[in-house]
Amino acid sequence: MRLSITLDQDLHRIAASRARARGRSISREINDLLRQAFTAPPPAGSNPPGIRTEGKRQFPVSHGFQPVTTEDVARAEDEEDLRQLHT
């Protein structure tokens, strides 16, 4: 996909330098850097208070709140369907 973006000058220098050092295009280097950023676990302590991440995908988990179950979702969907029928 072709996309135009504006990089800060310092980030462009870093990406261009890394790309040159690896003999790759800057686009390829930026793609790989973005993939790394999106798949890396968040730094410790980066979550808001009361929120932690767990599991392979690092989903946020809030403590002190009732978890939402599949039954809760099904009930909410049923209620929404009934509201739609009555309007």
C-alpha atoms as a PDB file:
ATOM      1  CA  MET A   1       0.000   0.000   0.000  1.00  0.00           C
ATOM      2  CA  ARG A   2       1.355   3.387  -0.942  1.00  0.00           C
ATOM      3  CA  LEU A   3       1.004   6.135   1.683  1.00  0.00           C
ATOM      4  CA  SER A   4       2.592   9.520   2.220  1.00  0.00           C
ATOM      5  CA  ILE A   5       3.518  10.453   5.777  1.00  0.00           C
ATOM      6  CA  THR A   6       5.684  13.118   7.356  1.00  0.00           C
ATOM      7  CA  LEU A   7       8.366  11.887   9.714  1.00  0.00           C
ATOM      8  CA  ASP A   8      10.117  14.035  12.259  1.00  0.00           C
ATOM      9  CA  GLN A   9      13.614  14.802  11.029  1.00  0.00           C
ATOM     10  CA  ASP A  10      15.329  12.802  13.765  1.00  0.00           C
ATOM     11  CA  LEU A  11      13.201   9.718  13.059  1.00  0.00           C
ATOM     12  CA  HIS A  12      13.876   9.969   9.350  1.00  0.00           C
ATOM     13  CA  ARG A  13      17.627  10.101  10.026  1.00  0.00           C
ATOM     14  CA  ILE A  14      17.454   7.043  12.267  1.00  0.00           C
ATOM     15  CA  ALA A  15      15.351   5.022   9.812  1.00  0.00           C
ATOM     16  CA  ALA A  16      17.522   6.056   6.841  1.00  0.00           C
ATOM     17  CA  SER A  17      20.705   5.191   8.722  1.00  0.00           C
ATOM     18  CA  ARG A  18      19.384   1.784   9.744  1.00  0.00           C
ATOM     19  CA  ALA A  19      18.210   1.099   6.189  1.00  0.00           C
ATOM     20  CA  ARG A  20      21.612   2.007   4.721  1.00  0.00           C
ATOM     21  CA  ALA A  21      23.423  -0.150   7.264  1.00  0.00           C
ATOM     22  CA  ARG A  22      21.250  -3.138   6.329  1.00  0.00           C
ATOM     23  CA  GLY A  23      21.251  -2.473   2.575  1.00  0.00           C
ATOM     24  CA  ARG A  24      17.480  -2.070   2.534  1.00  0.00           C
ATOM     25  CA  SER A  25      14.985   0.571   1.489  1.00  0.00           C
ATOM     26  CA  ILE A  26      13.792   3.053   4.079  1.00  0.00           C
ATOM     27  CA  SER A  27      10.222   1.839   3.482  1.00  0.00           C
ATOM     28  CA  ARG A  28      11.205  -1.725   4.358  1.00  0.00           C
ATOM     29  CA  GLU A  29      13.038  -0.537   7.464  1.00  0.00           C
ATOM     30  CA  ILE A  30      10.081   1.534   8.663  1.00  0.00           C
ATOM     31  CA  ASN A  31       7.705  -1.403   8.038  1.00  0.00           C
ATOM     32  CA  ASP A  32       9.887  -3.681  10.152  1.00  0.00           C
ATOM     33  CA  LEU A  33      10.244  -1.076  12.908  1.00  0.00           C
ATOM     34  CA  LEU A  34       6.477  -0.623  13.046  1.00  0.00           C
ATOM     35  CA  ARG A  35       5.933  -4.393  13.206  1.00  0.00           C
ATOM     36  CA  GLN A  36       8.379  -4.619  16.105  1.00  0.00           C
ATOM     37  CA  ALA A  37       6.664  -1.745  17.918  1.00  0.00           C
ATOM     38  CA  PHE A  38       3.210  -3.281  17.542  1.00  0.00           C
ATOM     39  CA  THR A  39       4.237  -6.778  18.638  1.00  0.00           C
ATOM     40  CA  ALA A  40       6.531  -5.835  21.525  1.00  0.00           C
ATOM     41  CA  PRO A  41       5.044  -6.073  25.016  1.00  0.00           C
ATOM     42  CA  PRO A  42       4.345  -2.690  26.596  1.00  0.00           C
ATOM     43  CA  PRO A  43       6.990  -1.390  28.995  1.00  0.00           C
ATOM     44  CA  ALA A  44       6.410  -2.255  32.641  1.00  0.00           C
ATOM     45  CA  GLY A  45       4.318   0.357  34.387  1.00  0.00           C
ATOM     46  CA  SER A  46       2.918   1.812  31.164  1.00  0.00           C
ATOM     47  CA  ASN A  47      -0.690   0.916  31.958  1.00  0.00           C
ATOM     48  CA  PRO A  48      -3.067   3.236  33.829  1.00  0.00           C
ATOM     49  CA  PRO A  49      -3.541   2.472  37.538  1.00  0.00           C
ATOM     50  CA  GLY A  50      -5.658  -0.647  38.106  1.00  0.00           C
ATOM     51  CA  ILE A  51      -5.050  -1.961  34.594  1.00  0.00           C
ATOM     52  CA  ARG A  52      -2.583  -4.701  33.774  1.00  0.00           C
ATOM     53  CA  THR A  53      -2.005  -6.851  30.734  1.00  0.00           C
ATOM     54  CA  GLU A  54      -1.911 -10.598  30.588  1.00  0.00           C
ATOM     55  CA  GLY A  55      -1.764 -13.370  28.080  1.00  0.00           C
ATOM     56  CA  LYS A  56       0.120 -13.805  24.844  1.00  0.00           C
ATOM     57  CA  ARG A  57      -1.557 -10.827  23.128  1.00  0.00           C
ATOM     58  CA  GLN A  58      -1.261  -8.580  26.214  1.00  0.00           C
ATOM     59  CA  PHE A  59      -4.935  -7.627  26.446  1.00  0.00           C
ATOM     60  CA  PRO A  60      -5.640  -5.032  29.144  1.00  0.00           C
ATOM     61  CA  VAL A  61      -7.281  -6.467  32.243  1.00  0.00           C
ATOM     62  CA  SER A  62      -8.965  -4.199  34.768  1.00  0.00           C
ATOM     63  CA  HIS A  63      -9.171  -5.254  38.382  1.00  0.00           C
ATOM     64  CA  GLY A  64     -11.981  -4.080  40.587  1.00  0.00           C
ATOM     65  CA  PHE A  65     -14.576  -4.285  37.824  1.00  0.00           C
ATOM     66  CA  GLN A  66     -16.859  -7.189  37.008  1.00  0.00           C
ATOM     67  CA  PRO A  67     -15.579  -8.995  33.892  1.00  0.00           C
ATOM     68  CA  VAL A  68     -17.810  -9.031  30.818  1.00  0.00           C
ATOM     69  CA  THR A  69     -18.772 -12.586  29.917  1.00  0.00           C
ATOM     70  CA  THR A  70     -20.113 -14.011  26.676  1.00  0.00           C
ATOM     71  CA  GLU A  71     -23.465 -14.318  28.443  1.00  0.00           C
ATOM     72  CA  ASP A  72     -23.398 -10.580  29.208  1.00  0.00           C
ATOM     73  CA  VAL A  73     -22.743  -9.838  25.550  1.00  0.00           C
ATOM     74  CA  ALA A  74     -25.541 -12.160  24.403  1.00  0.00           C
ATOM     75  CA  ARG A  75     -27.956 -10.558  26.884  1.00  0.00           C
ATOM     76  CA  ALA A  76     -27.025  -7.052  25.690  1.00  0.00           C
ATOM     77  CA  GLU A  77     -27.505  -8.100  22.072  1.00  0.00           C
ATOM     78  CA  ASP A  78     -30.930  -9.577  22.908  1.00  0.00           C
ATOM     79  CA  GLU A  79     -31.935  -6.376  24.709  1.00  0.00           C
ATOM     80  CA  GLU A  80     -30.812  -4.289  21.731  1.00  0.00           C
ATOM     81  CA  ASP A  81     -32.794  -6.521  19.358  1.00  0.00           C
ATOM     82  CA  LEU A  82     -35.905  -6.050  21.500  1.00  0.00           C
ATOM     83  CA  ARG A  83     -35.395  -2.262  21.554  1.00  0.00           C
ATOM     84  CA  GLN A  84     -35.105  -2.253  17.768  1.00  0.00           C
ATOM     85  CA  LEU A  85     -38.318  -4.261  17.410  1.00  0.00           C
ATOM     86  CA  HIS A  86     -40.267  -1.834  19.642  1.00  0.00           C
ATOM     87  CA  THR A  87     -39.165   1.290  17.755  1.00  0.00           C
END
